[in-house]
Amino acid sequence: MVIIKRYPNRKLYDTVAKQYITLEGIAELVRLGTDIQVVDNTSGEDLTAFTLTQIILSQEKRRDGLLNHSFLAELIRTRGEKISALKSSLQSAVPFWRQIDDEIKRRIQNLVDGGELSEVEAGRLSEKLVSTAAVQNSESSLIQEVESFFARNRLPTHDDIQRLYNQIDDLSKKLAEISDKEL
């Protein structure tokens, strides 16, 4: 993890590279998959979410960001509740391959229960149909192809989206705090 110190004059210092870094430099580290943490040099307060939000806002200024006006307005209106609900539903989904494996096993067990297959035959059939190595190899190859496609087309990965979810959660909390202070 790269620790970046933020000084009172708003300068950012990369403690690993031992040099000052810009917001764009931090954005590039994040794009490369580097875990970062931005801390206030004086207080030690974690400023990571704030800094990543600054990066998103600067990208929005240049019009190459991901968020449109209606999305941002809706985020403020709902205080991020809709985004949090979407995040929860996406994270609770069961992986596709596991669903297939479970269905195959269930059907084989039904054949055993109905007396159409012996336990030994069911075991052999299960090995052939639920071949972990075959699924892992095909899944691994598919994952590599998808990752390559995403990289070539500069599309966000699952980790990128997860970081956005985390940033949105942090923004939602800060918006709620600001809204509560105004009341």
Protein backbone atom coordinates (compact mmCIF):
# COMPACT_ATOMS: atom_id res chain seq x y z
CA MET A 1 0.00 0.00 0.00
CA VAL A 2 1.26 3.44 -0.93
CA ILE A 3 0.89 6.02 1.82
CA ILE A 4 0.50 9.58 0.57
CA LYS A 5 0.85 12.43 3.02
CA ARG A 6 -1.15 15.61 2.50
CA TYR A 7 0.52 18.71 3.87
CA PRO A 8 -1.24 21.90 5.07
CA ASN A 9 -0.26 23.63 1.79
CA ARG A 10 -2.28 20.86 0.01
CA LYS A 11 0.82 19.28 -1.49
CA LEU A 12 0.77 15.49 -1.70
CA TYR A 13 3.86 13.39 -0.97
CA ASP A 14 4.25 9.75 -2.07
CA THR A 15 6.17 8.08 0.77
CA VAL A 16 7.12 5.08 -1.38
CA ALA A 17 8.48 6.99 -4.40
CA LYS A 18 9.75 9.67 -2.01
CA GLN A 19 8.52 12.54 -4.17
CA TYR A 20 5.59 14.89 -4.50
CA ILE A 21 2.65 13.60 -6.52
CA THR A 22 -0.32 15.23 -8.24
CA LEU A 23 -3.97 14.17 -8.14
CA GLU A 24 -3.49 12.81 -11.67
CA GLY A 25 -0.51 10.81 -10.41
CA ILE A 26 -2.69 9.32 -7.67
CA ALA A 27 -5.37 8.56 -10.27
CA GLU A 28 -2.79 6.69 -12.34
CA LEU A 29 -1.71 4.65 -9.28
CA VAL A 30 -5.35 3.70 -8.68
CA ARG A 31 -5.83 2.78 -12.37
CA LEU A 32 -2.80 0.50 -12.09
CA GLY A 33 -4.46 -1.27 -9.16
CA THR A 34 -2.22 0.15 -6.44
CA ASP A 35 -3.83 0.41 -3.02
CA ILE A 36 -3.35 3.90 -1.66
CA GLN A 37 -4.06 5.71 1.55
CA VAL A 38 -3.93 9.48 1.86
CA VAL A 39 -3.35 10.83 5.36
CA ASP A 40 -3.15 14.32 6.76
CA ASN A 41 0.49 14.83 7.72
CA THR A 42 -0.39 16.82 10.83
CA SER A 43 -3.38 14.99 12.30
CA GLY A 44 -3.00 11.55 10.71
CA GLU A 45 -6.65 11.72 9.57
CA ASP A 46 -7.50 9.43 6.66
CA LEU A 47 -8.22 11.63 3.63
CA THR A 48 -8.37 8.86 1.04
CA ALA A 49 -12.08 9.17 0.22
CA PHE A 50 -11.82 12.95 0.09
CA THR A 51 -8.83 12.81 -2.27
CA LEU A 52 -10.41 10.20 -4.54
CA THR A 53 -13.53 12.37 -4.66
CA GLN A 54 -11.35 15.32 -5.71
CA ILE A 55 -9.95 13.18 -8.53
CA ILE A 56 -13.45 12.22 -9.69
CA LEU A 57 -14.51 15.87 -9.61
CA SER A 58 -11.46 16.98 -11.57
CA GLN A 59 -12.23 14.31 -14.19
CA GLU A 60 -15.80 15.56 -14.32
CA LYS A 61 -14.52 19.10 -14.95
CA ARG A 62 -12.56 17.81 -17.95
CA ARG A 63 -15.73 15.98 -19.08
CA ASP A 64 -14.07 12.58 -19.17
CA GLY A 65 -15.60 11.36 -15.95
CA LEU A 66 -18.21 8.67 -15.41
CA LEU A 67 -20.94 10.62 -13.67
CA ASN A 68 -23.59 12.74 -15.34
CA HIS A 69 -25.49 15.63 -13.77
CA SER A 70 -28.70 13.70 -13.22
CA PHE A 71 -26.83 10.90 -11.42
CA LEU A 72 -25.06 13.38 -9.14
CA ALA A 73 -28.29 15.26 -8.42
CA GLU A 74 -30.07 12.00 -7.61
CA LEU A 75 -27.18 10.97 -5.35
CA ILE A 76 -27.59 14.20 -3.37
CA ARG A 77 -31.39 13.84 -3.23
CA THR A 78 -31.30 10.28 -1.94
CA ARG A 79 -28.17 10.72 0.17
CA GLY A 80 -26.77 7.66 -1.59
CA GLU A 81 -29.50 5.30 -0.36
CA LYS A 82 -30.27 4.00 -3.86
CA ILE A 83 -26.60 3.41 -4.57
CA SER A 84 -26.18 1.55 -1.28
CA ALA A 85 -29.19 -0.64 -2.12
CA LEU A 86 -27.77 -1.40 -5.57
CA LYS A 87 -24.38 -2.21 -4.05
CA SER A 88 -25.97 -4.64 -1.58
CA SER A 89 -27.94 -6.44 -4.27
CA LEU A 90 -24.87 -6.80 -6.51
CA GLN A 91 -22.71 -8.13 -3.70
CA SER A 92 -25.28 -10.71 -2.60
CA ALA A 93 -25.52 -12.38 -6.03
CA VAL A 94 -24.37 -16.02 -6.13
CA PRO A 95 -21.65 -16.68 -8.73
CA PHE A 96 -22.95 -18.15 -11.98
CA TRP A 97 -20.75 -21.28 -11.96
CA ARG A 98 -21.77 -22.20 -8.43
CA GLN A 99 -25.44 -22.05 -9.41
CA ILE A 100 -24.80 -24.43 -12.30
CA ASP A 101 -22.80 -26.85 -10.12
CA ASP A 102 -25.50 -26.83 -7.45
CA GLU A 103 -28.21 -27.54 -10.03
CA ILE A 104 -26.22 -30.45 -11.53
CA LYS A 105 -25.64 -31.94 -8.08
CA ARG A 106 -29.33 -31.54 -7.19
CA ARG A 107 -30.45 -33.32 -10.35
CA ILE A 108 -27.96 -36.15 -9.87
CA GLN A 109 -29.18 -36.56 -6.29
CA ASN A 110 -32.77 -36.74 -7.58
CA LEU A 111 -31.71 -39.59 -9.88
CA VAL A 112 -30.11 -41.40 -6.93
CA ASP A 113 -33.18 -40.80 -4.75
CA GLY A 114 -35.41 -42.13 -7.55
CA GLY A 115 -33.31 -45.31 -7.80
CA GLU A 116 -32.19 -44.54 -11.35
CA LEU A 117 -28.49 -44.20 -10.38
CA SER A 118 -26.33 -45.85 -7.76
CA GLU A 119 -24.17 -43.73 -5.46
CA VAL A 120 -21.05 -44.88 -7.35
CA GLU A 121 -22.53 -43.99 -10.73
CA ALA A 122 -23.67 -40.64 -9.35
CA GLY A 123 -20.15 -39.93 -8.11
CA ARG A 124 -18.65 -40.69 -11.54
CA LEU A 125 -21.28 -38.64 -13.34
CA SER A 126 -20.80 -35.77 -10.93
CA GLU A 127 -17.02 -35.86 -11.54
CA LYS A 128 -17.56 -35.64 -15.28
CA LEU A 129 -20.16 -32.91 -15.18
CA VAL A 130 -18.76 -30.86 -12.35
CA SER A 131 -15.13 -31.03 -13.29
CA THR A 132 -13.45 -28.47 -11.10
CA ALA A 133 -10.30 -28.46 -13.21
CA ALA A 134 -12.20 -27.97 -16.47
CA VAL A 135 -14.36 -25.23 -15.02
CA GLN A 136 -11.34 -23.54 -13.42
CA ASN A 137 -9.36 -23.71 -16.67
CA SER A 138 -12.22 -22.41 -18.81
CA GLU A 139 -13.10 -19.83 -16.17
CA SER A 140 -9.45 -18.78 -15.86
CA SER A 141 -9.12 -18.43 -19.63
CA LEU A 142 -12.39 -16.51 -19.80
CA ILE A 143 -11.28 -14.21 -16.97
CA GLN A 144 -8.00 -13.50 -18.80
CA GLU A 145 -9.87 -12.68 -22.01
CA VAL A 146 -12.31 -10.40 -20.19
CA GLU A 147 -9.50 -8.64 -18.29
CA SER A 148 -7.60 -8.15 -21.53
CA PHE A 149 -10.71 -6.72 -23.22
CA PHE A 150 -11.32 -4.37 -20.30
CA ALA A 151 -7.70 -3.19 -20.30
CA ARG A 152 -7.66 -2.63 -24.09
CA ASN A 153 -10.86 -0.62 -23.95
CA ARG A 154 -10.01 1.17 -20.68
CA LEU A 155 -13.20 -0.11 -19.03
CA PRO A 156 -13.58 -0.22 -15.26
CA THR A 157 -12.91 -3.57 -13.58
CA HIS A 158 -14.72 -5.09 -10.61
CA ASP A 159 -12.08 -3.57 -8.32
CA ASP A 160 -12.57 -0.15 -9.94
CA ILE A 161 -16.31 -0.41 -9.40
CA GLN A 162 -15.79 -1.58 -5.82
CA ARG A 163 -13.58 1.46 -5.18
CA LEU A 164 -16.35 3.63 -6.65
CA TYR A 165 -18.89 1.97 -4.35
CA ASN A 166 -16.65 2.70 -1.39
CA GLN A 167 -16.20 6.29 -2.52
CA ILE A 168 -19.94 6.68 -3.03
CA ASP A 169 -20.57 5.31 0.46
CA ASP A 170 -18.08 7.81 1.87
CA LEU A 171 -19.67 10.63 -0.14
CA SER A 172 -23.12 9.60 1.05
CA LYS A 173 -21.97 9.74 4.66
CA LYS A 174 -20.38 13.14 4.16
CA LEU A 175 -23.48 14.46 2.40
CA ALA A 176 -25.62 13.20 5.27
CA GLU A 177 -23.28 14.89 7.76
CA ILE A 178 -23.44 18.16 5.82
CA SER A 179 -27.22 17.93 5.52
CA ASP A 180 -27.55 17.20 9.25
CA LYS A 181 -25.34 20.18 10.11
CA GLU A 182 -27.49 22.47 7.95
CA LEU A 183 -30.63 21.40 9.80
